[in-house]
């Protein structure tokens, strides 16, 4: 019943976004995804990594058959597109195999096997739908939010030393090599997420069940809640509000060479094309989630998680997509969601409730301070800069302390009882 309820709510949400997108003359997430059954997908990588997630419920023999079928179908599509001179892209085969597994689950499987396969297919399609939903959300933010709050965030960022301007100059100094590496990491964030998720879900086919909590859950919730904040707090980013990419809508062409001057901020009008997707930084949020979930893996996976987090921070700031204030908000946002999901899995207790409430309060306070105390923050950077870092650090410390407490409790529950030696009978 829970899965049915979630499916109904999710379908209703997709239909609402489809209607909203149609009002602005664009395809919505449902139409966009249906087209990819035949037409060239926007991202073949996402479709293949989604299929990889689905295959955690299959045996190795079934995985080889599924992968071979997907590649074979893509070869046929590639030949047809080459013959008719159509747009070239892979990924249709992966989508066909995922949909075929859904049909097999309904028609050929029963009982727990059917439920497990449907969960695997649902996980894959949720990841794909989340991507499509994100595109539609960004369209809606650009059409429905005519003014942006970049001047407030940029002014508040003075307390942090204008990190986007600093990192932007560093990225420029590294040349094309550094920019290409960061760009690849930024674009392929889903690849790192699937690598970590596959490690967490590696025993699903054997145990015939999914773990209670894993990275994909956090990813999806971040993607669901984050765009809602965009609607409340529209921000386009330094490269648009203060850079050449903003055209005549920009305050001036300042990024990354000249830090913005300290002046009274005000809401500024912007175009109807650029997404208002800065506050909070969801790329930072997702990279933080990858880092957290990679900590329990082998050393190589831990390295991947740390590298992706550092490189993503470098890209979000160095390419002018985000302010430093966005990064702080993104970290707090993720840790609050992660705590709530872990509490939902293991059962709510006092430490979990306290941390969720505290994280939500800090996140709200950060957004309010950026909006209403930005001038004070810029005029007193040595006071407010450390306070911002301290606020984020307090949530990080609370998360580490709470999770360690949970781990100690779980270990004590599973400790074997001490062996009792038989006592000699008294005569």
Protein backbone atom coordinates (compact mmCIF):
# COMPACT_ATOMS: atom_id res chain seq x y z
CA UNK A 1 0.00 0.00 0.00
CA UNK A 2 2.89 2.38 0.74
CA UNK A 3 4.41 1.79 -2.71
CA UNK A 4 0.98 2.30 -4.32
CA UNK A 5 0.46 5.56 -2.42
CA UNK A 6 3.94 6.83 -3.37
CA UNK A 7 3.33 5.88 -7.01
CA UNK A 8 -0.01 7.70 -7.12
CA UNK A 9 1.45 10.85 -5.55
CA UNK A 10 4.45 10.72 -7.88
CA UNK A 11 2.27 10.29 -10.97
CA UNK A 12 0.08 13.19 -9.90
CA UNK A 13 3.16 15.36 -9.41
CA UNK A 14 4.47 14.46 -12.89
CA UNK A 15 1.09 15.23 -14.45
CA UNK A 16 1.02 18.62 -12.71
CA UNK A 17 4.50 19.44 -14.04
CA UNK A 18 3.47 18.25 -17.51
CA UNK A 19 0.51 20.65 -17.48
CA UNK A 20 2.67 23.50 -16.18
CA UNK A 21 5.31 22.95 -18.88
CA UNK A 22 2.63 22.84 -21.59
CA UNK A 23 1.39 26.24 -20.47
CA UNK A 24 4.80 27.65 -21.41
CA UNK A 25 4.94 25.84 -24.74
CA UNK A 26 7.45 23.18 -23.65
CA UNK A 27 7.32 19.42 -23.30
CA UNK A 28 6.85 18.16 -19.76
CA UNK A 29 8.67 15.26 -18.05
CA UNK A 30 6.19 12.58 -19.17
CA UNK A 31 6.26 13.55 -22.85
CA UNK A 32 10.00 14.09 -22.80
CA UNK A 33 10.62 10.64 -21.36
CA UNK A 34 8.12 8.91 -23.70
CA UNK A 35 9.89 10.40 -26.72
CA UNK A 36 13.16 8.76 -25.67
CA UNK A 37 11.72 5.34 -26.39
CA UNK A 38 12.26 6.17 -30.09
CA UNK A 39 14.01 9.53 -30.42
CA UNK A 40 17.55 10.40 -29.33
CA UNK A 41 17.79 10.79 -25.52
CA UNK A 42 19.23 13.89 -23.91
CA UNK A 43 21.59 11.79 -21.79
CA UNK A 44 22.37 8.19 -22.63
CA UNK A 45 24.63 7.97 -19.60
CA UNK A 46 21.70 8.55 -17.22
CA UNK A 47 19.67 5.82 -18.93
CA UNK A 48 22.50 3.30 -18.68
CA UNK A 49 23.32 4.05 -15.05
CA UNK A 50 19.60 3.78 -14.27
CA UNK A 51 19.55 0.37 -15.93
CA UNK A 52 22.60 -0.58 -13.87
CA UNK A 53 20.66 0.25 -10.71
CA UNK A 54 17.78 -1.92 -11.89
CA UNK A 55 20.15 -4.83 -12.53
CA UNK A 56 21.08 -5.13 -8.84
CA UNK A 57 17.98 -7.35 -8.49
CA UNK A 58 19.08 -9.68 -11.31
CA UNK A 59 21.41 -12.67 -11.34
CA UNK A 60 24.74 -12.38 -13.14
CA UNK A 61 23.43 -14.35 -16.10
CA UNK A 62 20.40 -12.06 -16.36
CA UNK A 63 22.65 -9.01 -16.08
CA UNK A 64 24.78 -10.13 -19.04
CA UNK A 65 21.66 -10.80 -21.09
CA UNK A 66 20.17 -7.38 -20.19
CA UNK A 67 23.39 -5.50 -20.94
CA UNK A 68 23.86 -7.35 -24.24
CA UNK A 69 20.27 -6.65 -25.28
CA UNK A 70 20.63 -2.94 -24.45
CA UNK A 71 23.84 -2.61 -26.44
CA UNK A 72 22.35 -4.55 -29.37
CA UNK A 73 19.27 -2.33 -29.48
CA UNK A 74 21.45 0.78 -29.36
CA UNK A 75 23.54 -0.49 -32.28
CA UNK A 76 20.37 -0.91 -34.36
CA UNK A 77 19.21 2.60 -33.41
CA UNK A 78 22.65 3.99 -34.24
CA UNK A 79 22.63 2.40 -37.69
CA UNK A 80 19.15 3.69 -38.47
CA UNK A 81 20.01 7.22 -37.30
CA UNK A 82 23.23 7.15 -39.30
CA UNK A 83 21.30 6.06 -42.40
CA UNK A 84 18.69 8.84 -42.12
CA UNK A 85 21.19 11.45 -40.86
CA UNK A 86 19.34 11.93 -37.55
CA UNK A 87 20.76 13.11 -34.24
CA UNK A 88 23.15 10.52 -32.80
CA UNK A 89 22.83 9.45 -29.17
CA UNK A 90 22.84 6.18 -27.25
CA UNK A 91 20.60 5.08 -24.39
CA UNK A 92 17.40 3.87 -26.06
CA UNK A 93 18.49 0.26 -25.53
CA UNK A 94 18.87 0.77 -21.79
CA UNK A 95 15.38 2.30 -21.57
CA UNK A 96 13.88 -0.55 -23.63
CA UNK A 97 15.48 -3.18 -21.36
CA UNK A 98 14.25 -1.40 -18.22
CA UNK A 99 10.68 -1.25 -19.57
CA UNK A 100 10.91 -4.88 -20.71
CA UNK A 101 11.85 -5.92 -17.17
CA UNK A 102 8.72 -4.15 -15.91
CA UNK A 103 6.61 -6.17 -18.36
CA UNK A 104 8.38 -9.40 -17.34
CA UNK A 105 7.77 -8.63 -13.66
CA UNK A 106 4.04 -8.23 -14.24
CA UNK A 107 3.54 -11.15 -16.65
CA UNK A 108 6.18 -13.73 -15.71
CA UNK A 109 7.03 -13.23 -12.04
CA UNK A 110 5.02 -13.83 -8.88
CA UNK A 111 5.31 -13.15 -5.16
CA UNK A 112 8.53 -11.70 -3.79
CA UNK A 113 10.33 -12.06 -7.13
CA UNK A 114 7.76 -9.82 -8.81
CA UNK A 115 7.93 -7.22 -6.04
CA UNK A 116 11.73 -7.20 -6.05
CA UNK A 117 11.97 -6.75 -9.83
CA UNK A 118 9.32 -4.02 -9.81
CA UNK A 119 11.27 -2.22 -7.08
CA UNK A 120 14.40 -2.41 -9.21
CA UNK A 121 12.57 -1.05 -12.25
CA UNK A 122 10.94 1.63 -10.14
CA UNK A 123 14.34 2.70 -8.78
CA UNK A 124 15.69 3.06 -12.32
CA UNK A 125 12.66 4.95 -13.62
CA UNK A 126 12.65 7.22 -10.56
CA UNK A 127 16.22 8.28 -11.32
CA UNK A 128 15.30 9.00 -14.95
CA UNK A 129 12.08 10.79 -13.97
CA UNK A 130 13.98 12.84 -11.41
CA UNK A 131 16.25 14.14 -14.15
CA UNK A 132 13.30 15.04 -16.38
CA UNK A 133 11.44 16.61 -13.47
CA UNK A 134 14.49 18.74 -12.72
CA UNK A 135 14.54 20.15 -16.26
CA UNK A 136 10.86 21.09 -15.98
CA UNK A 137 11.34 22.67 -12.55
CA UNK A 138 14.17 24.82 -13.91
CA UNK A 139 11.94 25.95 -16.76
CA UNK A 140 9.18 26.89 -14.30
CA UNK A 141 11.58 28.88 -12.10
CA UNK A 142 12.76 30.94 -15.07
CA UNK A 143 9.20 31.66 -16.23
CA UNK A 144 7.53 32.35 -12.90
CA UNK A 145 10.24 34.28 -11.02
CA UNK A 146 10.90 37.51 -12.97
CA UNK A 147 13.20 38.97 -10.27
CA UNK A 148 16.20 37.36 -8.57
CA UNK A 149 17.93 37.92 -5.23
CA UNK A 150 21.55 37.68 -6.40
CA UNK A 151 22.54 41.07 -5.06
CA UNK A 152 21.56 40.01 -1.54
CA UNK A 153 23.53 36.76 -1.72
CA UNK A 154 26.55 38.43 -3.35
CA UNK A 155 26.56 41.09 -0.64
CA UNK A 156 26.31 38.44 2.11
CA UNK A 157 29.13 36.55 0.38
CA UNK A 158 31.46 39.43 1.23
CA UNK A 159 31.58 37.96 4.74
CA UNK A 160 33.11 34.78 3.25
CA UNK A 161 35.64 36.66 1.12
CA UNK A 162 33.82 36.26 -2.23
CA UNK A 163 34.87 32.62 -2.73
CA UNK A 164 33.34 32.36 -6.23
CA UNK A 165 35.57 35.19 -7.45
CA UNK A 166 38.63 33.63 -5.79
CA UNK A 167 38.06 30.09 -7.06
CA UNK A 168 37.09 31.44 -10.48
CA UNK A 169 40.52 33.03 -10.87
CA UNK A 170 42.18 29.81 -9.68
CA UNK A 171 40.29 27.76 -12.29
CA UNK A 172 41.28 30.26 -14.98
CA UNK A 173 44.91 29.91 -13.90
CA UNK A 174 44.79 26.10 -14.31
CA UNK A 175 43.95 26.49 -17.99
CA UNK A 176 41.89 24.16 -20.15
CA UNK A 177 43.01 20.96 -18.39
CA UNK A 178 41.67 21.97 -14.98
CA UNK A 179 38.49 23.38 -16.50
CA UNK A 180 37.81 20.20 -18.49
CA UNK A 181 38.34 17.95 -15.45
CA UNK A 182 36.03 20.02 -13.28
CA UNK A 183 33.46 20.25 -16.06
CA UNK A 184 33.42 16.47 -16.48
CA UNK A 185 33.04 15.91 -12.73
CA UNK A 186 30.25 18.49 -12.56
CA UNK A 187 28.29 16.97 -15.45
CA UNK A 188 28.83 13.31 -14.52
CA UNK A 189 27.73 13.60 -10.89
CA UNK A 190 25.18 10.82 -11.45
CA UNK A 191 27.98 8.41 -12.40
CA UNK A 192 29.67 8.78 -9.02
CA UNK A 193 26.31 8.43 -7.30
CA UNK A 194 25.56 5.17 -9.10
CA UNK A 195 29.02 3.77 -8.30
CA UNK A 196 28.39 4.32 -4.58
CA UNK A 197 24.78 3.09 -4.85
CA UNK A 198 25.84 -0.09 -6.65
CA UNK A 199 28.26 -0.84 -3.82
CA UNK A 200 25.51 -0.33 -1.24
CA UNK A 201 23.05 -2.49 -3.20
CA UNK A 202 25.50 -5.25 -4.17
CA UNK A 203 23.79 -7.89 -2.00
CA UNK A 204 20.20 -7.21 -3.11
CA UNK A 205 20.08 -10.12 -5.60
CA UNK A 206 21.28 -12.56 -2.91
CA UNK A 207 19.31 -11.26 0.06
CA UNK A 208 16.19 -10.63 -2.10
CA UNK A 209 15.53 -7.28 -0.43
CA UNK A 210 16.76 -3.69 -0.52
CA UNK A 211 18.54 -2.13 2.44
CA UNK A 212 16.47 0.22 4.55
CA UNK A 213 18.48 3.31 3.56
CA UNK A 214 20.80 3.98 0.63
CA UNK A 215 22.17 6.85 -1.43
CA UNK A 216 19.44 6.83 -4.09
CA UNK A 217 16.80 7.71 -1.50
CA UNK A 218 18.78 10.76 -0.40
CA UNK A 219 19.41 11.77 -4.00
CA UNK A 220 15.73 11.65 -4.90
CA UNK A 221 14.57 13.58 -1.82
CA UNK A 222 17.19 16.29 -2.43
CA UNK A 223 16.00 16.58 -6.02
CA UNK A 224 12.37 16.73 -4.92
CA UNK A 225 12.71 19.37 -2.19
CA UNK A 226 15.49 21.52 -3.63
CA UNK A 227 13.56 23.05 -6.55
CA UNK A 228 10.86 24.09 -4.13
CA UNK A 229 13.44 26.29 -2.39
CA UNK A 230 14.35 27.76 -5.80
CA UNK A 231 10.79 29.02 -6.11
CA UNK A 232 11.05 30.74 -2.71
CA UNK A 233 14.60 32.05 -3.13
CA UNK A 234 15.37 32.66 -6.84
CA UNK A 235 19.07 33.17 -7.58
CA UNK A 236 20.86 32.76 -10.93
CA UNK A 237 24.54 32.79 -9.90
CA UNK A 238 27.61 35.04 -10.31
CA UNK A 239 28.35 34.17 -13.95
CA UNK A 240 24.90 35.45 -14.94
CA UNK A 241 24.22 38.24 -12.43
CA UNK A 242 27.79 39.61 -12.50
CA UNK A 243 29.31 38.08 -15.63
CA UNK A 244 29.22 38.20 -19.40
CA UNK A 245 26.73 35.32 -19.61
CA UNK A 246 24.06 37.55 -18.13
CA UNK A 247 24.15 39.95 -21.08
CA UNK A 248 22.38 43.24 -20.50
CA UNK A 249 20.54 41.74 -17.51
CA UNK A 250 23.76 41.53 -15.47
CA UNK A 251 24.69 44.19 -12.91
CA UNK A 252 28.07 44.52 -14.64
CA UNK A 253 30.72 42.27 -16.19
CA UNK A 254 32.67 41.72 -12.97
CA UNK A 255 33.06 37.95 -12.48
CA UNK A 256 35.70 36.65 -11.76
CA UNK A 257 38.18 39.53 -12.07
CA UNK A 258 36.54 42.27 -10.00
CA UNK A 259 34.71 41.55 -6.72
CA UNK A 260 31.27 43.17 -6.53
CA UNK A 261 31.13 46.48 -4.68
CA UNK A 262 29.39 46.74 -1.33
CA UNK A 263 26.18 48.63 -1.97
CA UNK A 264 22.56 48.42 -0.88
CA UNK A 265 21.12 45.29 -2.59
CA UNK A 266 17.71 45.09 -4.22
CA UNK A 267 15.73 42.48 -6.17
CA UNK A 268 16.80 42.68 -9.81
CA UNK A 269 14.79 41.67 -12.90
CA UNK A 270 16.23 38.91 -15.06
CA UNK A 271 15.44 37.06 -18.28
CA UNK A 272 12.91 34.24 -18.70
CA UNK A 273 15.55 31.72 -19.82
CA UNK A 274 18.11 31.36 -17.04
CA UNK A 275 17.07 28.92 -14.27
CA UNK A 276 16.92 30.30 -10.73
CA UNK A 277 18.74 27.24 -9.37
CA UNK A 278 21.40 28.47 -6.96
CA UNK A 279 19.96 28.54 -3.45
CA UNK A 280 20.81 26.03 -2.13
CA UNK A 281 23.50 24.45 -4.30
CA UNK A 282 22.03 21.03 -5.13
CA UNK A 283 25.26 19.91 -6.81
CA UNK A 284 26.97 20.51 -3.46
CA UNK A 285 24.10 18.74 -1.70
CA UNK A 286 24.37 15.67 -3.95
CA UNK A 287 28.18 15.61 -3.75
CA UNK A 288 27.94 15.81 0.05
CA UNK A 289 25.53 12.86 0.03
CA UNK A 290 27.97 10.88 -2.14
CA UNK A 291 30.77 11.68 0.30
CA UNK A 292 28.71 10.61 3.33
CA UNK A 293 27.60 7.30 1.82
CA UNK A 294 31.09 6.47 0.51
CA UNK A 295 32.57 6.56 4.04
CA UNK A 296 31.45 2.97 4.76
CA UNK A 297 33.00 1.59 1.58
CA UNK A 298 36.53 0.43 0.71
CA UNK A 299 39.38 2.92 0.48
CA UNK A 300 38.99 3.37 -3.28
CA UNK A 301 35.33 4.29 -2.88
CA UNK A 302 36.16 6.70 -0.07
CA UNK A 303 38.68 8.37 -2.38
CA UNK A 304 36.04 8.70 -5.11
CA UNK A 305 33.59 10.30 -2.67
CA UNK A 306 36.16 12.78 -1.35
CA UNK A 307 37.43 13.63 -4.85
CA UNK A 308 33.92 14.20 -6.21
CA UNK A 309 33.03 16.48 -3.31
CA UNK A 310 36.17 18.61 -3.63
CA UNK A 311 35.97 18.76 -7.43
CA UNK A 312 32.26 19.62 -7.34
CA UNK A 313 32.92 22.46 -4.91
CA UNK A 314 35.67 23.70 -7.22
CA UNK A 315 33.37 23.53 -10.23
CA UNK A 316 30.32 25.15 -8.64
CA UNK A 317 32.40 28.09 -7.43
CA UNK A 318 35.06 28.17 -10.16
CA UNK A 319 32.59 28.25 -13.05
CA UNK A 320 30.54 30.97 -11.38
CA UNK A 321 27.45 28.82 -10.93
CA UNK A 322 27.15 29.44 -7.18
CA UNK A 323 28.10 31.76 -4.35
CA UNK A 324 29.82 30.59 -1.18
CA UNK A 325 26.58 31.15 0.71
CA UNK A 326 24.89 28.58 -1.56
CA UNK A 327 27.51 25.99 -0.64
CA UNK A 328 26.98 26.42 3.10
CA UNK A 329 23.21 26.17 2.68
CA UNK A 330 23.62 23.06 0.49
CA UNK A 331 25.67 21.21 3.12
CA UNK A 332 23.16 21.99 5.89
CA UNK A 333 20.29 21.02 3.56
CA UNK A 334 21.83 17.60 2.85
CA UNK A 335 22.70 16.71 6.42
CA UNK A 336 19.18 17.58 7.58
CA UNK A 337 17.62 15.39 4.88
CA UNK A 338 20.06 12.55 5.52
CA UNK A 339 19.29 12.60 9.24
CA UNK A 340 15.55 12.55 8.57
CA UNK A 341 15.82 9.60 6.17
CA UNK A 342 18.03 7.62 8.54
CA UNK A 343 15.60 8.32 11.39
CA UNK A 344 12.71 7.22 9.21
CA UNK A 345 14.52 3.94 8.54
CA UNK A 346 15.66 3.11 12.05
CA UNK A 347 12.84 4.74 14.00
CA UNK A 348 12.61 8.27 15.31
CA UNK A 349 14.36 8.99 18.58
CA UNK A 350 15.24 12.13 20.50
CA UNK A 351 18.72 12.75 18.97
CA UNK A 352 17.35 12.33 15.45
CA UNK A 353 14.39 14.65 16.01
CA UNK A 354 16.61 17.26 17.65
CA UNK A 355 19.11 17.25 14.79
CA UNK A 356 16.42 17.48 12.10
CA UNK A 357 14.77 20.41 13.88
CA UNK A 358 18.13 22.08 14.46
CA UNK A 359 19.27 21.58 10.86
CA UNK A 360 15.99 22.97 9.51
CA UNK A 361 16.30 25.97 11.85
CA UNK A 362 19.88 26.66 10.77
CA UNK A 363 18.94 26.36 7.10
CA UNK A 364 16.04 28.78 7.56
CA UNK A 365 18.23 31.19 9.51
CA UNK A 366 20.87 31.14 6.77
CA UNK A 367 18.39 32.03 4.05
CA UNK A 368 16.79 34.74 6.19
CA UNK A 369 20.18 36.26 7.08
CA UNK A 370 21.25 36.36 3.43
CA UNK A 371 18.07 38.25 2.60
CA UNK A 372 17.70 40.63 5.53
CA UNK A 373 21.21 40.99 7.04
CA UNK A 374 23.34 41.04 3.90
CA UNK A 375 24.61 44.61 4.38
CA UNK A 376 25.52 43.97 8.02
CA UNK A 377 27.34 40.79 6.94
CA UNK A 378 29.32 42.66 4.29
CA UNK A 379 30.25 45.47 6.67
CA UNK A 380 31.35 43.09 9.47
CA UNK A 381 32.96 40.12 7.68
CA UNK A 382 35.17 39.15 10.61
CA UNK A 383 32.05 38.63 12.71
CA UNK A 384 29.58 37.08 10.28
CA UNK A 385 32.06 35.04 8.24
CA UNK A 386 33.10 32.85 11.19
CA UNK A 387 29.46 32.70 12.33
CA UNK A 388 28.38 31.26 8.97
CA UNK A 389 31.14 28.66 9.06
CA UNK A 390 30.33 27.89 12.70
CA UNK A 391 26.64 27.38 11.87
CA UNK A 392 27.49 24.86 9.14
CA UNK A 393 30.11 23.16 11.31
CA UNK A 394 27.66 22.77 14.18
CA UNK A 395 25.29 20.81 11.92
CA UNK A 396 28.18 18.67 10.65
CA UNK A 397 29.28 17.98 14.23
CA UNK A 398 25.73 17.16 15.26
CA UNK A 399 25.36 14.73 12.37
CA UNK A 400 28.65 12.94 13.12
CA UNK A 401 27.85 12.72 16.83
CA UNK A 402 24.30 11.46 16.25
CA UNK A 403 25.28 8.80 13.70
CA UNK A 404 28.07 7.52 15.95
CA UNK A 405 25.57 7.27 18.80
CA UNK A 406 23.26 5.25 16.54
CA UNK A 407 26.10 2.96 15.51
CA UNK A 408 27.07 2.29 19.13
CA UNK A 409 23.46 1.45 19.99
CA UNK A 410 23.19 -0.88 16.99
CA UNK A 411 26.47 -2.60 17.92
CA UNK A 412 25.35 -3.11 21.51
CA UNK A 413 22.09 -4.69 20.33
CA UNK A 414 23.94 -7.21 18.17
CA UNK A 415 26.62 -8.12 20.72
CA UNK A 416 26.47 -11.83 21.58
CA UNK A 417 25.50 -12.65 25.12
CA UNK A 418 28.44 -13.73 27.31
CA UNK A 419 28.73 -17.47 27.70
CA UNK A 420 27.77 -18.69 31.15
CA UNK A 421 29.71 -21.52 32.68
CA UNK A 422 27.60 -24.19 34.44
CA UNK A 423 27.72 -23.88 38.19
CA UNK A 424 28.43 -26.97 40.30
CA UNK A 425 25.44 -28.16 42.26
CA UNK A 426 25.61 -27.82 46.02
CA UNK A 427 25.00 -31.06 47.84
